[in-house]
């Protein structure tokens, strides 16, 4: 998920631009969640297209998409992953100034060091135990 968001930001940010990834406790209407945001100083997305970005196969600029690769599935997949984890996806963009894609996921407090270690081991096991 995060790889797709960073890859998009890099693709559509010209040389000399910036891509920033940050994570923080979310505020406002997303209390109890963590926000992971990918911000870029890229070309931006027209306001009329932002609502359609997570539709399967949607591309803002078909010519540019062919040139840079991609199928128009990336953000649709990201949206479904985020929703499967009880989260939300938000996209804000300004033409010529850049785009911010924010992922809001439920925060799960892990208290003791033993609990953190157990959570890390469990995540590692899930990531490496693939069916053959």
C-alpha atoms as a PDB file:
ATOM      1  CA  UNK A   1       0.000   0.000   0.000  1.00  0.00           C
ATOM      2  CA  UNK A   2       2.607   2.530   1.093  1.00  0.00           C
ATOM      3  CA  UNK A   3       4.900   1.531  -1.778  1.00  0.00           C
ATOM      4  CA  UNK A   4       2.147   2.334  -4.274  1.00  0.00           C
ATOM      5  CA  UNK A   5       1.525   5.768  -2.742  1.00  0.00           C
ATOM      6  CA  UNK A   6       5.229   6.671  -2.677  1.00  0.00           C
ATOM      7  CA  UNK A   7       5.729   5.333  -6.215  1.00  0.00           C
ATOM      8  CA  UNK A   8       2.867   7.526  -7.499  1.00  0.00           C
ATOM      9  CA  UNK A   9       4.268  10.576  -5.705  1.00  0.00           C
ATOM     10  CA  UNK A  10       7.715  10.048  -7.213  1.00  0.00           C
ATOM     11  CA  UNK A  11       6.345   9.432 -10.721  1.00  0.00           C
ATOM     12  CA  UNK A  12       4.360  12.655 -10.788  1.00  0.00           C
ATOM     13  CA  UNK A  13       6.853  14.933  -9.035  1.00  0.00           C
ATOM     14  CA  UNK A  14       9.338  16.681 -11.342  1.00  0.00           C
ATOM     15  CA  UNK A  15      13.075  16.750 -10.673  1.00  0.00           C
ATOM     16  CA  UNK A  16      13.843  19.053  -7.762  1.00  0.00           C
ATOM     17  CA  UNK A  17      10.425  18.399  -6.186  1.00  0.00           C
ATOM     18  CA  UNK A  18       9.784  16.851  -2.796  1.00  0.00           C
ATOM     19  CA  UNK A  19       8.070  13.709  -1.542  1.00  0.00           C
ATOM     20  CA  UNK A  20       7.466  13.454   2.209  1.00  0.00           C
ATOM     21  CA  UNK A  21       6.067  10.486   4.141  1.00  0.00           C
ATOM     22  CA  UNK A  22       4.857  11.082   7.686  1.00  0.00           C
ATOM     23  CA  UNK A  23       2.907   9.219  10.344  1.00  0.00           C
ATOM     24  CA  UNK A  24       1.210  10.732  13.370  1.00  0.00           C
ATOM     25  CA  UNK A  25      -1.780  10.287  15.628  1.00  0.00           C
ATOM     26  CA  UNK A  26      -4.778  11.558  13.694  1.00  0.00           C
ATOM     27  CA  UNK A  27      -6.894  14.355  15.052  1.00  0.00           C
ATOM     28  CA  UNK A  28     -10.279  15.856  14.357  1.00  0.00           C
ATOM     29  CA  UNK A  29     -12.845  13.414  13.063  1.00  0.00           C
ATOM     30  CA  UNK A  30     -10.248  10.640  13.037  1.00  0.00           C
ATOM     31  CA  UNK A  31      -9.550  10.408  16.778  1.00  0.00           C
ATOM     32  CA  UNK A  32      -8.259   6.986  17.783  1.00  0.00           C
ATOM     33  CA  UNK A  33      -6.593   6.546  14.409  1.00  0.00           C
ATOM     34  CA  UNK A  34      -3.112   6.945  12.972  1.00  0.00           C
ATOM     35  CA  UNK A  35      -2.579   9.052   9.842  1.00  0.00           C
ATOM     36  CA  UNK A  36       0.034   8.001   7.321  1.00  0.00           C
ATOM     37  CA  UNK A  37       0.406  10.693   4.678  1.00  0.00           C
ATOM     38  CA  UNK A  38       2.383  10.892   1.457  1.00  0.00           C
ATOM     39  CA  UNK A  39       2.803  14.488   0.299  1.00  0.00           C
ATOM     40  CA  UNK A  40       4.411  15.617  -2.922  1.00  0.00           C
ATOM     41  CA  UNK A  41       5.122  18.840  -4.771  1.00  0.00           C
ATOM     42  CA  UNK A  42       4.142  17.261  -8.061  1.00  0.00           C
ATOM     43  CA  UNK A  43       1.915  18.320 -10.911  1.00  0.00           C
ATOM     44  CA  UNK A  44      -1.328  17.940  -8.961  1.00  0.00           C
ATOM     45  CA  UNK A  45      -4.641  16.445  -9.991  1.00  0.00           C
ATOM     46  CA  UNK A  46      -7.606  18.371 -11.392  1.00  0.00           C
ATOM     47  CA  UNK A  47     -10.350  18.753  -8.751  1.00  0.00           C
ATOM     48  CA  UNK A  48     -12.918  17.118 -11.045  1.00  0.00           C
ATOM     49  CA  UNK A  49     -10.809  13.927 -11.162  1.00  0.00           C
ATOM     50  CA  UNK A  50     -10.008  13.500  -7.453  1.00  0.00           C
ATOM     51  CA  UNK A  51     -13.308  11.715  -6.605  1.00  0.00           C
ATOM     52  CA  UNK A  52     -12.646   9.129  -9.340  1.00  0.00           C
ATOM     53  CA  UNK A  53      -9.019   8.311  -8.460  1.00  0.00           C
ATOM     54  CA  UNK A  54      -9.892   5.127  -6.571  1.00  0.00           C
ATOM     55  CA  UNK A  55     -12.063   3.715  -9.367  1.00  0.00           C
ATOM     56  CA  UNK A  56     -10.566   0.675 -11.042  1.00  0.00           C
ATOM     57  CA  UNK A  57      -8.800   1.506 -14.338  1.00  0.00           C
ATOM     58  CA  UNK A  58      -9.353   5.274 -13.976  1.00  0.00           C
ATOM     59  CA  UNK A  59      -6.482   7.409 -15.252  1.00  0.00           C
ATOM     60  CA  UNK A  60      -6.336  11.184 -15.112  1.00  0.00           C
ATOM     61  CA  UNK A  61      -4.131  11.484 -18.205  1.00  0.00           C
ATOM     62  CA  UNK A  62      -4.130   8.371 -20.356  1.00  0.00           C
ATOM     63  CA  UNK A  63      -1.129   9.467 -22.434  1.00  0.00           C
ATOM     64  CA  UNK A  64       1.013  10.148 -19.372  1.00  0.00           C
ATOM     65  CA  UNK A  65      -0.083   6.897 -17.732  1.00  0.00           C
ATOM     66  CA  UNK A  66       1.043   4.900 -20.755  1.00  0.00           C
ATOM     67  CA  UNK A  67       4.378   6.740 -20.729  1.00  0.00           C
ATOM     68  CA  UNK A  68       4.968   6.114 -16.994  1.00  0.00           C
ATOM     69  CA  UNK A  69       3.337   2.696 -16.797  1.00  0.00           C
ATOM     70  CA  UNK A  70       0.483   1.525 -14.642  1.00  0.00           C
ATOM     71  CA  UNK A  71      -2.963   0.055 -15.121  1.00  0.00           C
ATOM     72  CA  UNK A  72      -5.136   2.409 -13.105  1.00  0.00           C
ATOM     73  CA  UNK A  73      -5.553  -0.214 -10.376  1.00  0.00           C
ATOM     74  CA  UNK A  74      -3.080   1.024  -7.743  1.00  0.00           C
ATOM     75  CA  UNK A  75      -5.266   3.449  -5.799  1.00  0.00           C
ATOM     76  CA  UNK A  76      -8.283   1.147  -6.105  1.00  0.00           C
ATOM     77  CA  UNK A  77      -6.264  -1.612  -4.446  1.00  0.00           C
ATOM     78  CA  UNK A  78      -4.959   0.787  -1.790  1.00  0.00           C
ATOM     79  CA  UNK A  79      -8.526   1.864  -0.990  1.00  0.00           C
ATOM     80  CA  UNK A  80      -9.664  -1.738  -0.543  1.00  0.00           C
ATOM     81  CA  UNK A  81      -6.687  -2.621   1.688  1.00  0.00           C
ATOM     82  CA  UNK A  82      -7.323   0.429   3.854  1.00  0.00           C
ATOM     83  CA  UNK A  83     -11.043  -0.331   4.149  1.00  0.00           C
ATOM     84  CA  UNK A  84     -10.326  -3.992   4.970  1.00  0.00           C
ATOM     85  CA  UNK A  85      -8.348  -2.740   7.972  1.00  0.00           C
ATOM     86  CA  UNK A  86     -11.144  -0.446   9.151  1.00  0.00           C
ATOM     87  CA  UNK A  87      -9.543   2.692   7.780  1.00  0.00           C
ATOM     88  CA  UNK A  88     -10.199   5.552   5.404  1.00  0.00           C
ATOM     89  CA  UNK A  89      -8.370   7.067   2.445  1.00  0.00           C
ATOM     90  CA  UNK A  90      -8.342  10.816   1.768  1.00  0.00           C
ATOM     91  CA  UNK A  91      -6.847  12.599  -1.242  1.00  0.00           C
ATOM     92  CA  UNK A  92      -6.255  16.346  -1.523  1.00  0.00           C
ATOM     93  CA  UNK A  93      -4.603  17.956  -4.526  1.00  0.00           C
ATOM     94  CA  UNK A  94      -3.954  21.340  -6.082  1.00  0.00           C
ATOM     95  CA  UNK A  95      -2.874  21.690  -9.702  1.00  0.00           C
ATOM     96  CA  UNK A  96       0.737  22.808  -9.942  1.00  0.00           C
ATOM     97  CA  UNK A  97       1.274  22.508  -6.169  1.00  0.00           C
ATOM     98  CA  UNK A  98       1.036  18.805  -5.380  1.00  0.00           C
ATOM     99  CA  UNK A  99      -0.982  16.065  -3.774  1.00  0.00           C
ATOM    100  CA  UNK A 100      -1.402  14.589  -0.312  1.00  0.00           C
ATOM    101  CA  UNK A 101      -2.772  11.083   0.103  1.00  0.00           C
ATOM    102  CA  UNK A 102      -3.669  10.262   3.700  1.00  0.00           C
ATOM    103  CA  UNK A 103      -4.406   6.817   5.066  1.00  0.00           C
ATOM    104  CA  UNK A 104      -6.234   6.696   8.400  1.00  0.00           C
ATOM    105  CA  UNK A 105      -5.990   3.390  10.264  1.00  0.00           C
ATOM    106  CA  UNK A 106      -7.290   2.423  13.701  1.00  0.00           C
ATOM    107  CA  UNK A 107      -4.608   2.861  16.357  1.00  0.00           C
ATOM    108  CA  UNK A 108      -4.068  -0.211  18.460  1.00  0.00           C
ATOM    109  CA  UNK A 109      -2.299   0.529  21.730  1.00  0.00           C
ATOM    110  CA  UNK A 110       0.391  -1.939  22.703  1.00  0.00           C
ATOM    111  CA  UNK A 111       1.365  -1.502  26.336  1.00  0.00           C
ATOM    112  CA  UNK A 112       4.325  -3.472  27.600  1.00  0.00           C
ATOM    113  CA  UNK A 113       7.598  -4.352  25.923  1.00  0.00           C
ATOM    114  CA  UNK A 114       6.509  -8.016  25.936  1.00  0.00           C
ATOM    115  CA  UNK A 115       3.299  -7.089  24.073  1.00  0.00           C
ATOM    116  CA  UNK A 116       5.266  -5.063  21.494  1.00  0.00           C
ATOM    117  CA  UNK A 117       7.680  -7.944  20.954  1.00  0.00           C
ATOM    118  CA  UNK A 118       4.803 -10.404  20.572  1.00  0.00           C
ATOM    119  CA  UNK A 119       3.086  -8.105  18.060  1.00  0.00           C
ATOM    120  CA  UNK A 120       6.328  -7.732  16.086  1.00  0.00           C
ATOM    121  CA  UNK A 121       6.863 -11.509  16.024  1.00  0.00           C
ATOM    122  CA  UNK A 122       3.255 -12.094  14.916  1.00  0.00           C
ATOM    123  CA  UNK A 123       3.542  -9.531  12.116  1.00  0.00           C
ATOM    124  CA  UNK A 124       6.855 -11.017  11.010  1.00  0.00           C
ATOM    125  CA  UNK A 125       5.373 -14.518  10.952  1.00  0.00           C
ATOM    126  CA  UNK A 126       2.406 -13.381   8.863  1.00  0.00           C
ATOM    127  CA  UNK A 127       4.699 -11.600   6.422  1.00  0.00           C
ATOM    128  CA  UNK A 128       7.029 -14.558   5.935  1.00  0.00           C
ATOM    129  CA  UNK A 129       4.645 -17.520   6.182  1.00  0.00           C
ATOM    130  CA  UNK A 130       3.243 -17.744   2.691  1.00  0.00           C
ATOM    131  CA  UNK A 131       1.362 -20.826   1.476  1.00  0.00           C
ATOM    132  CA  UNK A 132       3.165 -22.868  -1.135  1.00  0.00           C
END
